[in-house]
Amino acid sequence: GALAAAVAVAAAVVLLAGAARGRGG
């Protein structure tokens, strides 16, 4: 469960950082 949560959080961080760069972050 901890591994699945860590992978989900890492994927979310990657997607949010990509979205911030796309918006001009």
PDB file of all heavy atoms in Angstrom:
ATOM      1  N   GLY A   1       0.818  -1.213   0.000  1.00  0.00           N
ATOM      2  CA  GLY A   1       0.000   0.000   0.000  1.00  0.00           C
ATOM      3  C   GLY A   1       0.848   1.258   0.000  1.00  0.00           C
ATOM      4  O   GLY A   1       0.547   2.236  -0.701  1.00  0.00           O
ATOM      5  N   ALA A   2       1.927   1.244   0.784  1.00  0.00           N
ATOM      6  CA  ALA A   2       2.831   2.398   0.812  1.00  0.00           C
ATOM      7  C   ALA A   2       3.513   2.593  -0.535  1.00  0.00           C
ATOM      8  O   ALA A   2       3.674   3.726  -1.004  1.00  0.00           O
ATOM      9  CB  ALA A   2       3.877   2.215   1.909  1.00  0.00           C
ATOM     10  N   LEU A   3       3.895   1.488  -1.180  1.00  0.00           N
ATOM     11  CA  LEU A   3       4.505   1.577  -2.507  1.00  0.00           C
ATOM     12  C   LEU A   3       3.519   2.138  -3.522  1.00  0.00           C
ATOM     13  O   LEU A   3       3.874   3.023  -4.312  1.00  0.00           O
ATOM     14  CB  LEU A   3       5.007   0.197  -2.942  1.00  0.00           C
ATOM     15  CG  LEU A   3       5.591   0.099  -4.347  1.00  0.00           C
ATOM     16  CD1 LEU A   3       6.857   0.955  -4.458  1.00  0.00           C
ATOM     17  CD2 LEU A   3       5.881  -1.342  -4.695  1.00  0.00           C
ATOM     18  N   ALA A   4       2.277   1.654  -3.489  1.00  0.00           N
ATOM     19  CA  ALA A   4       1.265   2.155  -4.424  1.00  0.00           C
ATOM     20  C   ALA A   4       0.993   3.643  -4.188  1.00  0.00           C
ATOM     21  O   ALA A   4       0.857   4.414  -5.149  1.00  0.00           O
ATOM     22  CB  ALA A   4      -0.021   1.348  -4.274  1.00  0.00           C
ATOM     23  N   ALA A   5       0.936   4.043  -2.930  1.00  0.00           N
ATOM     24  CA  ALA A   5       0.713   5.456  -2.621  1.00  0.00           C
ATOM     25  C   ALA A   5       1.886   6.309  -3.089  1.00  0.00           C
ATOM     26  O   ALA A   5       1.686   7.404  -3.634  1.00  0.00           O
ATOM     27  CB  ALA A   5       0.495   5.636  -1.120  1.00  0.00           C
ATOM     28  N   ALA A   6       3.106   5.822  -2.891  1.00  0.00           N
ATOM     29  CA  ALA A   6       4.282   6.588  -3.326  1.00  0.00           C
ATOM     30  C   ALA A   6       4.308   6.746  -4.842  1.00  0.00           C
ATOM     31  O   ALA A   6       4.617   7.833  -5.357  1.00  0.00           O
ATOM     32  CB  ALA A   6       5.557   5.901  -2.843  1.00  0.00           C
ATOM     33  N   VAL A   7       3.955   5.698  -5.570  1.00  0.00           N
ATOM     34  CA  VAL A   7       3.923   5.792  -7.034  1.00  0.00           C
ATOM     35  C   VAL A   7       2.823   6.754  -7.480  1.00  0.00           C
ATOM     36  O   VAL A   7       3.028   7.563  -8.388  1.00  0.00           O
ATOM     37  CB  VAL A   7       3.749   4.389  -7.657  1.00  0.00           C
ATOM     38  CG1 VAL A   7       3.444   4.480  -9.144  1.00  0.00           C
ATOM     39  CG2 VAL A   7       4.999   3.553  -7.427  1.00  0.00           C
ATOM     40  N   ALA A   8       1.665   6.684  -6.842  1.00  0.00           N
ATOM     41  CA  ALA A   8       0.568   7.585  -7.199  1.00  0.00           C
ATOM     42  C   ALA A   8       0.933   9.048  -6.920  1.00  0.00           C
ATOM     43  O   ALA A   8       0.658   9.926  -7.737  1.00  0.00           O
ATOM     44  CB  ALA A   8      -0.691   7.199  -6.424  1.00  0.00           C
ATOM     45  N   VAL A   9       1.569   9.301  -5.787  1.00  0.00           N
ATOM     46  CA  VAL A   9       1.981  10.668  -5.459  1.00  0.00           C
ATOM     47  C   VAL A   9       3.043  11.160  -6.436  1.00  0.00           C
ATOM     48  O   VAL A   9       2.994  12.305  -6.910  1.00  0.00           O
ATOM     49  CB  VAL A   9       2.477  10.753  -3.994  1.00  0.00           C
ATOM     50  CG1 VAL A   9       3.200  12.059  -3.719  1.00  0.00           C
ATOM     51  CG2 VAL A   9       1.311  10.586  -3.044  1.00  0.00           C
ATOM     52  N   ALA A  10       3.998  10.307  -6.768  1.00  0.00           N
ATOM     53  CA  ALA A  10       5.043  10.707  -7.716  1.00  0.00           C
ATOM     54  C   ALA A  10       4.458  11.010  -9.090  1.00  0.00           C
ATOM     55  O   ALA A  10       4.839  11.993  -9.736  1.00  0.00           O
ATOM     56  CB  ALA A  10       6.101   9.606  -7.822  1.00  0.00           C
ATOM     57  N   ALA A  11       3.506  10.192  -9.550  1.00  0.00           N
ATOM     58  CA  ALA A  11       2.865  10.451 -10.845  1.00  0.00           C
ATOM     59  C   ALA A  11       2.072  11.758 -10.795  1.00  0.00           C
ATOM     60  O   ALA A  11       2.093  12.543 -11.753  1.00  0.00           O
ATOM     61  CB  ALA A  11       1.964   9.287 -11.230  1.00  0.00           C
ATOM     62  N   ALA A  12       1.392  12.014  -9.683  1.00  0.00           N
ATOM     63  CA  ALA A  12       0.634  13.260  -9.551  1.00  0.00           C
ATOM     64  C   ALA A  12       1.563  14.465  -9.552  1.00  0.00           C
ATOM     65  O   ALA A  12       1.250  15.499 -10.167  1.00  0.00           O
ATOM     66  CB  ALA A  12      -0.204  13.231  -8.273  1.00  0.00           C
ATOM     67  N   VAL A  13       2.704  14.356  -8.883  1.00  0.00           N
ATOM     68  CA  VAL A  13       3.673  15.458  -8.860  1.00  0.00           C
ATOM     69  C   VAL A  13       4.184  15.735 -10.275  1.00  0.00           C
ATOM     70  O   VAL A  13       4.294  16.892 -10.695  1.00  0.00           O
ATOM     71  CB  VAL A  13       4.828  15.144  -7.886  1.00  0.00           C
ATOM     72  CG1 VAL A  13       6.002  16.082  -8.089  1.00  0.00           C
ATOM     73  CG2 VAL A  13       4.343  15.214  -6.459  1.00  0.00           C
ATOM     74  N   VAL A  14       4.475  14.672 -11.017  1.00  0.00           N
ATOM     75  CA  VAL A  14       4.951  14.842 -12.399  1.00  0.00           C
ATOM     76  C   VAL A  14       3.891  15.531 -13.244  1.00  0.00           C
ATOM     77  O   VAL A  14       4.181  16.474 -13.989  1.00  0.00           O
ATOM     78  CB  VAL A  14       5.345  13.476 -13.011  1.00  0.00           C
ATOM     79  CG1 VAL A  14       5.514  13.572 -14.511  1.00  0.00           C
ATOM     80  CG2 VAL A  14       6.607  12.952 -12.368  1.00  0.00           C
ATOM     81  N   LEU A  15       2.645  15.086 -13.129  1.00  0.00           N
ATOM     82  CA  LEU A  15       1.574  15.677 -13.934  1.00  0.00           C
ATOM     83  C   LEU A  15       1.288  17.123 -13.535  1.00  0.00           C
ATOM     84  O   LEU A  15       1.076  17.983 -14.398  1.00  0.00           O
ATOM     85  CB  LEU A  15       0.308  14.836 -13.815  1.00  0.00           C
ATOM     86  CG  LEU A  15       0.384  13.469 -14.487  1.00  0.00           C
ATOM     87  CD1 LEU A  15      -0.852  12.648 -14.150  1.00  0.00           C
ATOM     88  CD2 LEU A  15       0.553  13.618 -15.985  1.00  0.00           C
ATOM     89  N   LEU A  16       1.288  17.405 -12.233  1.00  0.00           N
ATOM     90  CA  LEU A  16       1.032  18.776 -11.787  1.00  0.00           C
ATOM     91  C   LEU A  16       2.171  19.712 -12.171  1.00  0.00           C
ATOM     92  O   LEU A  16       1.937  20.868 -12.533  1.00  0.00           O
ATOM     93  CB  LEU A  16       0.781  18.809 -10.283  1.00  0.00           C
ATOM     94  CG  LEU A  16      -0.532  18.172  -9.833  1.00  0.00           C
ATOM     95  CD1 LEU A  16      -0.607  18.122  -8.319  1.00  0.00           C
ATOM     96  CD2 LEU A  16      -1.718  18.908 -10.411  1.00  0.00           C
ATOM     97  N   ALA A  17       3.393  19.234 -12.082  1.00  0.00           N
ATOM     98  CA  ALA A  17       4.533  20.064 -12.489  1.00  0.00           C
ATOM     99  C   ALA A  17       4.484  20.323 -13.989  1.00  0.00           C
ATOM    100  O   ALA A  17       4.784  21.431 -14.442  1.00  0.00           O
ATOM    101  CB  ALA A  17       5.848  19.381 -12.110  1.00  0.00           C
ATOM    102  N   GLY A  18       4.092  19.326 -14.767  1.00  0.00           N
ATOM    103  CA  GLY A  18       3.949  19.519 -16.208  1.00  0.00           C
ATOM    104  C   GLY A  18       2.842  20.492 -16.540  1.00  0.00           C
ATOM    105  O   GLY A  18       2.969  21.319 -17.443  1.00  0.00           O
ATOM    106  N   ALA A  19       1.744  20.425 -15.791  1.00  0.00           N
ATOM    107  CA  ALA A  19       0.643  21.357 -16.014  1.00  0.00           C
ATOM    108  C   ALA A  19       1.053  22.783 -15.645  1.00  0.00           C
ATOM    109  O   ALA A  19       0.681  23.741 -16.311  1.00  0.00           O
ATOM    110  CB  ALA A  19      -0.577  20.935 -15.203  1.00  0.00           C
ATOM    111  N   ALA A  20       1.837  22.924 -14.562  1.00  0.00           N
ATOM    112  CA  ALA A  20       2.291  24.259 -14.158  1.00  0.00           C
ATOM    113  C   ALA A  20       3.218  24.857 -15.207  1.00  0.00           C
ATOM    114  O   ALA A  20       3.146  26.046 -15.512  1.00  0.00           O
ATOM    115  CB  ALA A  20       3.004  24.196 -12.812  1.00  0.00           C
ATOM    116  N   ARG A  21       4.087  24.034 -15.797  1.00  0.00           N
ATOM    117  CA  ARG A  21       4.965  24.533 -16.850  1.00  0.00           C
ATOM    118  C   ARG A  21       4.163  24.909 -18.092  1.00  0.00           C
ATOM    119  O   ARG A  21       4.487  25.856 -18.771  1.00  0.00           O
ATOM    120  CB  ARG A  21       6.026  23.495 -17.203  1.00  0.00           C
ATOM    121  CG  ARG A  21       7.213  23.531 -16.294  1.00  0.00           C
ATOM    122  CD  ARG A  21       8.353  22.714 -16.844  1.00  0.00           C
ATOM    123  NE  ARG A  21       8.027  21.299 -16.949  1.00  0.00           N
ATOM    124  CZ  ARG A  21       8.047  20.443 -15.948  1.00  0.00           C
ATOM    125  NH1 ARG A  21       8.365  20.865 -14.739  1.00  0.00           N
ATOM    126  NH2 ARG A  21       7.755  19.181 -16.123  1.00  0.00           N
ATOM    127  N   GLY A  22       3.117  24.153 -18.369  1.00  0.00           N
ATOM    128  CA  GLY A  22       2.290  24.441 -19.537  1.00  0.00           C
ATOM    129  C   GLY A  22       1.500  25.727 -19.383  1.00  0.00           C
ATOM    130  O   GLY A  22       1.177  26.390 -20.354  1.00  0.00           O
ATOM    131  N   ARG A  23       1.158  26.108 -18.151  1.00  0.00           N
ATOM    132  CA  ARG A  23       0.410  27.341 -17.888  1.00  0.00           C
ATOM    133  C   ARG A  23       1.315  28.545 -17.711  1.00  0.00           C
ATOM    134  O   ARG A  23       0.835  29.638 -17.473  1.00  0.00           O
ATOM    135  CB  ARG A  23      -0.378  27.221 -16.594  1.00  0.00           C
ATOM    136  CG  ARG A  23      -1.498  26.286 -16.581  1.00  0.00           C
ATOM    137  CD  ARG A  23      -2.368  26.553 -15.365  1.00  0.00           C
ATOM    138  NE  ARG A  23      -1.683  26.318 -14.105  1.00  0.00           N
ATOM    139  CZ  ARG A  23      -1.712  25.185 -13.449  1.00  0.00           C
ATOM    140  NH1 ARG A  23      -2.335  24.162 -13.933  1.00  0.00           N
ATOM    141  NH2 ARG A  23      -1.087  25.061 -12.293  1.00  0.00           N
ATOM    142  N   GLY A  24       2.603  28.317 -17.726  1.00  0.00           N
ATOM    143  CA  GLY A  24       3.502  29.440 -17.504  1.00  0.00           C
ATOM    144  C   GLY A  24       3.959  29.536 -16.082  1.00  0.00           C
ATOM    145  O   GLY A  24       4.295  30.605 -15.597  1.00  0.00           O
ATOM    146  N   GLY A  25       3.978  28.421 -15.383  1.00  0.00           N
ATOM    147  CA  GLY A  25       4.464  28.406 -14.017  1.00  0.00           C
ATOM    148  C   GLY A  25       5.980  28.502 -13.997  1.00  0.00           C
ATOM    149  O   GLY A  25       6.613  28.797 -15.007  1.00  0.00           O
TER     150      GLY A  25
END
